[in-house]
Amino acid sequence: MVMGLMPIKIDDVCEAEVISLENEGSGVCKVKGITVFVPKTLVGEKIRFRITEIKKNFARGKLIEIQESSPDRIVSKCPYYNECGGCDLRHQNDIKNLEFKRQKVQTAISKIGKINVKVNDVLPSFKNENYRNKASFKVEEDKIGFYVNGTYQLVDVKYCMLLEKEISDTLTVIREYIKNNNNSIKQVTIKHGNAMNEILIDVYSTDKQDEKIKTYLISNVSNLKTIIFNGKVVYGNGYISQISNGLMFNCSSNSFFQVNGSMVDKLYEVAIKEAKLSKSDVVLDLYCGTGTISCIVSSCVKKVIGIEIVDDAVIDANCNARINNVSNVKFICGDATKEISKIKEKIDVIFVDPPRKGMSRDAIAIIKKMAPKKMVYISCNPVTMARDLNYLSNVYEVKKIIPIDMFPNTNHVECVCVLSLR
């Protein structure tokens, strides 16, 4: 449809019924034949909304009024929910949120993956609040918080209900500093380590004079372990420690670790159980991060080879192997696509936990050539996972897909997918 001939325009106020939820949790409406996405709405609701954006094939709207409410609607306890872009589903009850996530995965697998397999029910999180062990906050002068979804408009937040208490307490300290000191700080990342109740603070500023925040943080954050300023460790040893599945893992600022501390053990328990490992297996752990999966599975198999492109993560991984007395793991720093082609050993099982963008076609082609008997694909993005499973489907059969709610109150969901060689 030609933009000039669109039957709706910006700032039009419309009324419609929500017919479904799209992939990110927004309600889907039809207005004069145009699909409109309206956040914070639920299926079956009759709503009034304002058109805020028009694209070639769809439009977006902002809710003005709920004329007829869904029985699944609940009142959000978060005071920032209507502004902040961090959560998407606080207005819907927990049972329906889990159903939404299962269906989201099922739709991706069926429509994108072209795979006929029934997705398991979502395993719920042990905690729906105060579960995140990491947060990155944007800073503008004396404001600190998160952007409104899809914009660069900062919402000044005193706390976030998703975060572990230790992170919110640290945010309060930093908030006091930026309110009372002129600064050019742009971003602050806070991580909490559950092993020793430690805090890591990573500050980015456009002015090196802001390094003076170090003295303030040391005096006011009681469980402070390390400070990083513009990529350089200026206090402590540069990492915090996490416990998962009975092992301890050092994590530096740039290293990945699952953000839902209450569900890490469950995620890896499921992945390892479904892999059905044996003592004679040689395992490849792609995108291995700090070596979490590698170290956990090491006691079940003959050998593990971990590959990770982030230098700091590989340093952490080698350290973690030493800490946990793991001697049958080898870590390689490099691009997964290039490094797996160099492996000479026969691989029996592959664990893959790629970034949100998924795997490259080249990496998938090499895996198909290697033809390990089993593969466990862990993903936080059902769309790219489904795409990759489709690429693998002529060599591997998808046996099981288990969604796990690692991100309550948001539209995101983690999946453990089990594949076997045809």
Protein backbone atom coordinates (compact mmCIF):
# COMPACT_ATOMS: atom_id res chain seq x y z
CA MET A 1 0.00 0.00 0.00
CA VAL A 2 1.37 3.41 -0.99
CA MET A 3 2.17 5.52 2.10
CA GLY A 4 0.21 8.50 0.78
CA LEU A 5 -2.90 6.35 0.40
CA MET A 6 -2.82 4.90 3.93
CA PRO A 7 -6.35 5.13 5.40
CA ILE A 8 -4.94 6.15 8.79
CA LYS A 9 -2.48 8.84 9.86
CA ILE A 10 -0.31 9.79 12.85
CA ASP A 11 -2.34 10.97 15.89
CA ASP A 12 -5.58 9.40 14.64
CA VAL A 13 -7.60 8.08 17.59
CA CYS A 14 -9.04 4.66 16.85
CA GLU A 15 -11.13 1.96 18.50
CA ALA A 16 -10.71 -1.78 17.90
CA GLU A 17 -10.69 -5.23 19.47
CA VAL A 18 -7.39 -7.02 20.17
CA ILE A 19 -7.35 -10.25 18.15
CA SER A 20 -3.97 -11.68 19.16
CA LEU A 21 -0.57 -10.89 20.70
CA GLU A 22 2.47 -10.48 18.46
CA ASN A 23 5.94 -11.87 19.13
CA GLU A 24 6.94 -9.16 21.62
CA GLY A 25 3.63 -9.15 23.51
CA SER A 26 1.85 -6.18 21.94
CA GLY A 27 -1.83 -6.52 21.09
CA VAL A 28 -2.73 -6.88 17.41
CA CYS A 29 -5.70 -4.90 16.02
CA LYS A 30 -7.12 -4.20 12.57
CA VAL A 31 -8.05 -0.64 11.61
CA LYS A 32 -9.39 -0.07 8.09
CA GLY A 33 -7.51 -3.15 6.93
CA ILE A 34 -4.22 -2.06 8.53
CA THR A 35 -2.54 -4.16 11.24
CA VAL A 36 -1.82 -2.04 14.32
CA PHE A 37 0.33 -3.13 17.28
CA VAL A 38 -0.69 -1.66 20.65
CA PRO A 39 1.50 -2.48 23.71
CA LYS A 40 0.01 -3.29 27.14
CA THR A 41 -3.20 -4.75 25.67
CA LEU A 42 -4.65 -8.29 25.78
CA VAL A 43 -6.61 -10.60 23.51
CA GLY A 44 -10.34 -9.87 23.51
CA GLU A 45 -10.02 -6.36 24.91
CA LYS A 46 -11.84 -3.48 23.27
CA ILE A 47 -9.53 -0.51 23.31
CA ARG A 48 -9.13 3.12 22.32
CA PHE A 49 -5.68 4.17 21.13
CA ARG A 50 -3.69 6.81 19.26
CA ILE A 51 -1.64 6.03 16.14
CA THR A 52 2.01 6.85 16.90
CA GLU A 53 3.88 5.34 13.96
CA ILE A 54 3.05 4.18 10.44
CA LYS A 55 5.19 1.78 8.44
CA LYS A 56 4.72 0.25 4.99
CA ASN A 57 2.72 -2.78 6.14
CA PHE A 58 1.67 -1.96 9.71
CA ALA A 59 1.26 0.76 12.30
CA ARG A 60 1.85 1.21 16.02
CA GLY A 61 -0.43 2.76 18.59
CA LYS A 62 -0.43 3.90 22.20
CA LEU A 63 -3.22 2.81 24.52
CA ILE A 64 -5.59 5.57 25.67
CA GLU A 65 -8.40 3.58 27.27
CA ILE A 66 -9.49 0.00 27.85
CA GLN A 67 -13.20 -0.02 27.05
CA GLU A 68 -13.67 -3.72 27.80
CA SER A 69 -11.03 -5.49 29.89
CA SER A 70 -9.74 -9.07 29.61
CA PRO A 71 -10.27 -11.39 32.62
CA ASP A 72 -6.55 -12.15 32.33
CA ARG A 73 -5.58 -8.54 33.06
CA ILE A 74 -3.91 -7.72 36.38
CA VAL A 75 -2.72 -4.43 37.89
CA SER A 76 1.03 -3.92 37.65
CA LYS A 77 2.77 -3.14 40.94
CA CYS A 78 5.62 -1.36 39.15
CA PRO A 79 5.24 2.46 39.19
CA TYR A 80 7.33 2.78 36.00
CA TYR A 81 5.56 0.12 33.95
CA ASN A 82 3.61 2.44 31.66
CA GLU A 83 6.79 4.31 30.68
CA CYS A 84 9.78 1.97 31.01
CA GLY A 85 10.73 -0.42 28.21
CA GLY A 86 12.11 -3.16 30.47
CA CYS A 87 8.97 -5.27 30.94
CA ASP A 88 6.17 -6.14 28.50
CA LEU A 89 3.76 -8.46 30.29
CA ARG A 90 3.13 -7.17 33.82
CA HIS A 91 -0.49 -6.49 32.86
CA GLN A 92 -1.23 -10.20 32.23
CA ASN A 93 -1.40 -12.98 34.83
CA ASP A 94 1.46 -15.45 35.19
CA ILE A 95 -0.42 -18.47 33.79
CA LYS A 96 -1.32 -16.62 30.60
CA ASN A 97 2.24 -15.27 30.30
CA LEU A 98 3.58 -18.84 30.29
CA GLU A 99 0.97 -19.84 27.70
CA PHE A 100 1.99 -16.85 25.56
CA LYS A 101 5.65 -17.88 25.70
CA ARG A 102 4.93 -21.51 24.80
CA GLN A 103 2.80 -20.43 21.86
CA LYS A 104 5.46 -17.93 20.79
CA VAL A 105 8.01 -20.75 20.57
CA GLN A 106 5.51 -23.08 18.89
CA THR A 107 4.70 -20.48 16.23
CA ALA A 108 8.38 -19.88 15.48
CA ILE A 109 9.12 -23.61 15.23
CA SER A 110 6.13 -24.27 12.97
CA LYS A 111 6.23 -21.20 10.72
CA ILE A 112 9.93 -20.37 10.55
CA GLY A 113 11.50 -23.73 11.35
CA LYS A 114 8.93 -25.72 9.33
CA ILE A 115 9.31 -28.41 11.98
CA ASN A 116 6.46 -30.58 13.23
CA VAL A 117 7.13 -30.98 16.95
CA LYS A 118 4.98 -30.06 19.95
CA VAL A 119 6.73 -27.60 22.25
CA ASN A 120 6.69 -28.57 25.94
CA ASP A 121 4.97 -26.44 28.55
CA VAL A 122 7.16 -23.62 29.88
CA LEU A 123 9.04 -24.39 33.10
CA PRO A 124 8.19 -21.46 35.40
CA SER A 125 10.81 -19.41 37.20
CA PHE A 126 11.29 -19.93 40.93
CA LYS A 127 11.12 -16.14 41.29
CA ASN A 128 9.11 -13.69 39.19
CA GLU A 129 10.63 -10.62 40.85
CA ASN A 130 14.12 -9.68 42.08
CA TYR A 131 15.76 -12.31 39.90
CA ARG A 132 18.13 -10.35 37.64
CA ASN A 133 21.80 -10.33 38.70
CA LYS A 134 22.81 -7.72 36.11
CA ALA A 135 21.48 -4.37 34.88
CA SER A 136 22.78 -1.60 32.63
CA PHE A 137 21.49 1.90 33.39
CA LYS A 138 21.61 4.94 31.12
CA VAL A 139 22.66 8.25 32.69
CA GLU A 140 21.74 11.80 31.68
CA GLU A 141 23.08 14.45 34.06
CA ASP A 142 21.24 13.74 37.34
CA LYS A 143 18.91 11.05 35.93
CA ILE A 144 19.59 7.31 35.82
CA GLY A 145 17.33 4.58 34.51
CA PHE A 146 16.05 2.94 31.33
CA TYR A 147 14.85 4.17 27.96
CA VAL A 148 11.20 4.17 26.96
CA ASN A 149 10.79 1.24 24.59
CA GLY A 150 11.90 2.14 21.06
CA THR A 151 13.12 5.63 22.03
CA TYR A 152 16.03 7.48 23.63
CA GLN A 153 13.74 9.07 26.22
CA LEU A 154 15.12 8.27 29.66
CA VAL A 155 12.85 7.11 32.48
CA ASP A 156 14.38 8.06 35.83
CA VAL A 157 13.93 5.01 38.10
CA LYS A 158 14.64 4.65 41.81
CA TYR A 159 14.46 0.86 41.63
CA CYS A 160 13.49 -1.98 39.29
CA MET A 161 11.35 -4.87 40.52
CA LEU A 162 13.21 -7.34 38.29
CA LEU A 163 16.58 -6.71 39.97
CA GLU A 164 18.15 -8.45 42.91
CA LYS A 165 17.99 -6.25 46.00
CA GLU A 166 21.76 -5.76 46.06
CA ILE A 167 21.65 -4.12 42.62
CA SER A 168 18.81 -1.79 43.62
CA ASP A 169 20.72 -0.82 46.78
CA THR A 170 23.78 -0.02 44.67
CA LEU A 171 21.64 2.00 42.26
CA THR A 172 20.50 4.15 45.20
CA VAL A 173 24.14 4.92 46.06
CA ILE A 174 25.00 5.85 42.47
CA ARG A 175 21.86 7.96 42.17
CA GLU A 176 22.99 10.05 45.15
CA TYR A 177 26.37 10.60 43.51
CA ILE A 178 25.07 11.78 40.13
CA LYS A 179 22.51 14.08 41.77
CA ASN A 180 25.19 15.82 43.83
CA ASN A 181 28.09 15.86 41.35
CA ASN A 182 28.34 17.33 37.87
CA ASN A 183 29.35 14.48 35.60
CA SER A 184 29.59 13.16 32.06
CA ILE A 185 28.73 9.55 32.94
CA LYS A 186 26.66 7.89 30.21
CA GLN A 187 26.17 4.32 31.40
CA VAL A 188 26.57 2.26 34.55
CA THR A 189 26.39 -1.55 34.63
CA ILE A 190 25.95 -3.33 37.95
CA LYS A 191 26.45 -7.07 38.49
CA HIS A 192 25.81 -9.07 41.65
CA GLY A 193 27.69 -12.29 42.40
CA ASN A 194 25.80 -14.82 44.52
CA ALA A 195 28.87 -16.77 45.67
CA MET A 196 30.27 -14.06 47.94
CA ASN A 197 27.48 -11.45 47.78
CA GLU A 198 29.74 -9.19 45.69
CA ILE A 199 29.05 -6.16 43.51
CA LEU A 200 30.83 -5.24 40.26
CA ILE A 201 30.30 -1.72 38.89
CA ASP A 202 31.27 -0.80 35.33
CA VAL A 203 31.17 2.95 34.57
CA TYR A 204 31.42 4.57 31.14
CA SER A 205 32.01 8.32 30.88
CA THR A 206 33.10 10.80 28.22
CA ASP A 207 35.25 12.61 30.81
CA LYS A 208 38.12 10.83 32.57
CA GLN A 209 37.64 13.18 35.55
CA ASP A 210 34.60 11.12 36.47
CA GLU A 211 36.93 8.38 37.70
CA LYS A 212 36.64 10.20 41.03
CA ILE A 213 33.39 8.28 41.54
CA LYS A 214 35.65 5.39 42.59
CA THR A 215 36.36 6.92 46.01
CA TYR A 216 32.66 7.51 46.63
CA LEU A 217 31.70 3.95 45.64
CA ILE A 218 34.39 2.38 47.83
CA SER A 219 33.10 4.35 50.81
CA ASN A 220 29.39 3.73 50.22
CA VAL A 221 28.92 0.25 48.65
CA SER A 222 29.61 -2.19 51.47
CA ASN A 223 29.85 -5.35 49.37
CA LEU A 224 31.83 -3.78 46.51
CA LYS A 225 34.27 -6.21 44.84
CA THR A 226 35.48 -4.36 41.76
CA ILE A 227 35.13 -1.13 39.75
CA ILE A 228 35.77 -0.74 36.05
CA PHE A 229 36.04 2.73 34.53
CA ASN A 230 36.01 3.11 30.73
CA GLY A 231 37.12 -0.49 30.27
CA LYS A 232 39.94 -0.40 32.83
CA VAL A 233 39.89 -2.09 36.24
CA VAL A 234 40.46 0.71 38.77
CA TYR A 235 39.52 -1.17 41.94
CA GLY A 236 39.54 -4.87 42.85
CA ASN A 237 40.51 -7.77 40.62
CA GLY A 238 37.98 -7.24 37.83
CA TYR A 239 35.48 -10.00 38.51
CA ILE A 240 32.76 -11.35 40.78
CA SER A 241 31.90 -14.99 41.53
CA GLN A 242 28.74 -16.95 40.77
CA ILE A 243 27.74 -20.40 41.98
CA SER A 244 25.95 -22.72 39.56
CA ASN A 245 25.28 -26.45 39.81
CA GLY A 246 27.66 -26.77 42.74
CA LEU A 247 30.60 -25.08 41.00
CA MET A 248 32.05 -21.57 41.30
CA PHE A 249 32.55 -19.28 38.31
CA ASN A 250 34.51 -16.03 38.10
CA CYS A 251 32.78 -13.52 35.81
CA SER A 252 34.37 -10.31 34.55
CA SER A 253 32.41 -7.35 33.21
CA ASN A 254 32.38 -8.49 29.56
CA SER A 255 31.73 -12.16 30.31
CA PHE A 256 28.28 -13.64 29.81
CA PHE A 257 26.45 -15.36 32.66
CA GLN A 258 22.74 -16.17 32.81
CA VAL A 259 20.93 -13.22 34.41
CA ASN A 260 18.30 -15.21 36.30
CA GLY A 261 20.31 -16.50 39.23
CA SER A 262 17.38 -18.49 40.63
CA MET A 263 17.02 -20.55 37.42
CA VAL A 264 20.60 -21.12 36.28
CA ASP A 265 20.85 -24.51 37.96
CA LYS A 266 17.53 -25.65 36.46
CA LEU A 267 18.48 -24.52 32.94
CA TYR A 268 21.71 -26.50 32.92
CA GLU A 269 20.18 -29.49 34.72
CA VAL A 270 17.60 -29.77 31.94
CA ALA A 271 20.18 -29.35 29.17
CA ILE A 272 22.56 -31.94 30.60
CA LYS A 273 19.84 -34.44 31.46
CA GLU A 274 18.41 -34.28 27.94
CA ALA A 275 21.87 -34.76 26.41
CA LYS A 276 22.11 -38.24 28.00
CA LEU A 277 25.89 -38.05 28.21
CA SER A 278 28.25 -40.99 28.66
CA LYS A 279 31.79 -41.23 30.09
CA SER A 280 33.23 -41.93 26.63
CA ASP A 281 31.79 -38.78 25.01
CA VAL A 282 33.85 -35.93 23.63
CA VAL A 283 31.78 -32.75 23.93
CA LEU A 284 32.04 -29.48 22.01
CA ASP A 285 30.70 -26.38 23.82
CA LEU A 286 30.22 -23.60 21.27
CA TYR A 287 29.89 -19.99 22.49
CA CYS A 288 31.06 -21.33 25.85
CA GLY A 289 31.31 -17.96 27.64
CA THR A 290 32.91 -18.34 31.07
CA GLY A 291 32.95 -22.13 30.69
CA THR A 292 29.82 -22.78 32.71
CA ILE A 293 28.44 -25.69 30.66
CA SER A 294 31.93 -27.02 29.92
CA CYS A 295 32.84 -27.30 33.59
CA ILE A 296 29.46 -28.68 34.66
CA VAL A 297 29.42 -31.48 32.05
CA SER A 298 33.11 -32.30 32.47
CA SER A 299 32.48 -34.87 35.21
CA CYS A 300 30.05 -36.76 32.96
CA VAL A 301 32.26 -37.13 29.86
CA LYS A 302 35.75 -37.93 28.59
CA LYS A 303 36.65 -34.46 27.31
CA VAL A 304 35.14 -31.02 26.62
CA ILE A 305 36.32 -28.45 24.07
CA GLY A 306 34.95 -24.93 24.61
CA ILE A 307 35.07 -22.17 21.98
CA GLU A 308 34.41 -18.49 22.72
CA ILE A 309 35.29 -15.28 20.86
CA VAL A 310 35.43 -12.91 23.88
CA ASP A 311 38.98 -12.80 25.29
CA ASP A 312 37.94 -11.95 28.85
CA ALA A 313 35.45 -14.81 28.89
CA VAL A 314 38.11 -17.34 27.85
CA ILE A 315 40.44 -16.02 30.56
CA ASP A 316 37.58 -16.51 33.04
CA ALA A 317 36.83 -19.98 31.63
CA ASN A 318 40.41 -21.19 32.14
CA CYS A 319 40.38 -19.73 35.64
CA ASN A 320 37.07 -21.45 36.38
CA ALA A 321 38.43 -24.80 35.28
CA ARG A 322 41.33 -24.38 37.72
CA ILE A 323 39.06 -23.23 40.57
CA ASN A 324 36.86 -26.29 40.16
CA ASN A 325 39.74 -28.74 39.58
CA VAL A 326 38.53 -29.56 36.08
CA SER A 327 41.34 -31.06 34.01
CA ASN A 328 39.54 -32.51 30.96
CA VAL A 329 38.43 -29.20 29.43
CA LYS A 330 40.24 -27.21 26.74
CA PHE A 331 39.18 -23.64 25.89
CA ILE A 332 39.86 -21.97 22.55
CA CYS A 333 39.56 -18.24 21.96
CA GLY A 334 38.30 -17.42 18.49
CA ASP A 335 35.38 -17.21 16.09
CA ALA A 336 33.24 -20.34 16.35
CA THR A 337 32.97 -20.76 12.58
CA LYS A 338 36.74 -20.70 12.07
CA GLU A 339 37.72 -22.72 15.13
CA ILE A 340 35.35 -25.68 14.77
CA SER A 341 36.73 -26.38 11.31
CA LYS A 342 40.15 -26.97 12.91
CA ILE A 343 38.97 -29.64 15.35
CA LYS A 344 40.36 -33.06 14.44
CA GLU A 345 38.74 -35.15 17.18
CA LYS A 346 35.49 -37.00 16.70
CA ILE A 347 32.78 -34.99 18.51
CA ASP A 348 29.93 -36.98 20.07
CA VAL A 349 27.77 -34.18 21.50
CA ILE A 350 27.57 -30.44 20.83
CA PHE A 351 26.16 -27.84 23.20
CA VAL A 352 25.35 -24.57 21.45
CA ASP A 353 24.34 -21.39 23.32
CA PRO A 354 24.72 -18.63 20.71
CA PRO A 355 23.97 -14.90 21.01
CA ARG A 356 20.50 -13.65 20.04
CA LYS A 357 21.44 -13.46 16.36
CA GLY A 358 21.89 -17.25 16.32
CA MET A 359 24.49 -19.26 14.42
CA SER A 360 26.12 -18.48 11.09
CA ARG A 361 25.27 -20.64 8.07
CA ASP A 362 28.95 -21.57 7.83
CA ALA A 363 29.03 -22.85 11.43
CA ILE A 364 25.90 -24.91 10.80
CA ALA A 365 27.40 -26.37 7.62
CA ILE A 366 30.52 -27.46 9.51
CA ILE A 367 28.45 -29.02 12.32
CA LYS A 368 26.45 -31.01 9.76
CA LYS A 369 29.72 -32.21 8.27
CA MET A 370 31.07 -33.19 11.71
CA ALA A 371 27.78 -35.04 12.37
CA PRO A 372 27.91 -35.54 16.15
CA LYS A 373 25.24 -37.97 17.33
CA LYS A 374 23.49 -35.40 19.54
CA MET A 375 23.12 -31.66 19.80
CA VAL A 376 21.64 -29.45 22.53
CA TYR A 377 20.74 -25.96 21.31
CA ILE A 378 20.12 -23.36 24.06
CA SER A 379 18.60 -20.08 22.92
CA CYS A 380 16.95 -16.90 24.21
CA ASN A 381 15.57 -16.08 20.74
CA PRO A 382 12.96 -18.53 19.36
CA VAL A 383 13.02 -16.86 15.93
CA THR A 384 16.74 -17.36 15.19
CA MET A 385 16.65 -20.77 16.91
CA ALA A 386 13.81 -21.87 14.62
CA ARG A 387 15.72 -20.61 11.58
CA ASP A 388 18.85 -22.54 12.61
CA LEU A 389 16.87 -25.71 13.33
CA ASN A 390 15.42 -25.48 9.84
CA TYR A 391 18.95 -25.34 8.40
CA LEU A 392 19.87 -28.41 10.46
CA SER A 393 16.69 -30.38 9.78
CA ASN A 394 17.96 -32.44 6.84
CA VAL A 395 20.66 -33.95 9.08
CA TYR A 396 19.15 -33.65 12.59
CA GLU A 397 15.75 -34.51 14.01
CA VAL A 398 14.32 -32.23 16.68
CA LYS A 399 13.34 -34.52 19.55
CA LYS A 400 12.22 -32.06 22.20
CA ILE A 401 11.88 -28.33 22.84
CA ILE A 402 11.67 -27.24 26.48
CA PRO A 403 10.98 -23.54 27.11
CA ILE A 404 12.20 -22.15 30.45
CA ASP A 405 11.00 -18.85 31.90
CA MET A 406 14.34 -17.19 32.58
CA PHE A 407 12.79 -13.72 32.05
CA PRO A 408 9.48 -13.39 33.98
CA ASN A 409 7.28 -10.34 33.27
CA THR A 410 8.94 -9.86 29.88
CA ASN A 411 8.18 -11.38 26.47
CA HIS A 412 11.51 -13.23 26.41
CA VAL A 413 11.92 -16.97 26.90
CA GLU A 414 14.86 -19.39 26.98
CA CYS A 415 14.68 -22.75 25.21
CA VAL A 416 16.53 -26.04 25.44
CA CYS A 417 16.22 -27.92 22.15
CA VAL A 418 17.37 -31.53 21.82
CA LEU A 419 18.43 -32.89 18.43
CA SER A 420 19.64 -36.29 17.30
CA LEU A 421 21.39 -37.41 14.12
CA ARG A 422 18.96 -38.84 11.57
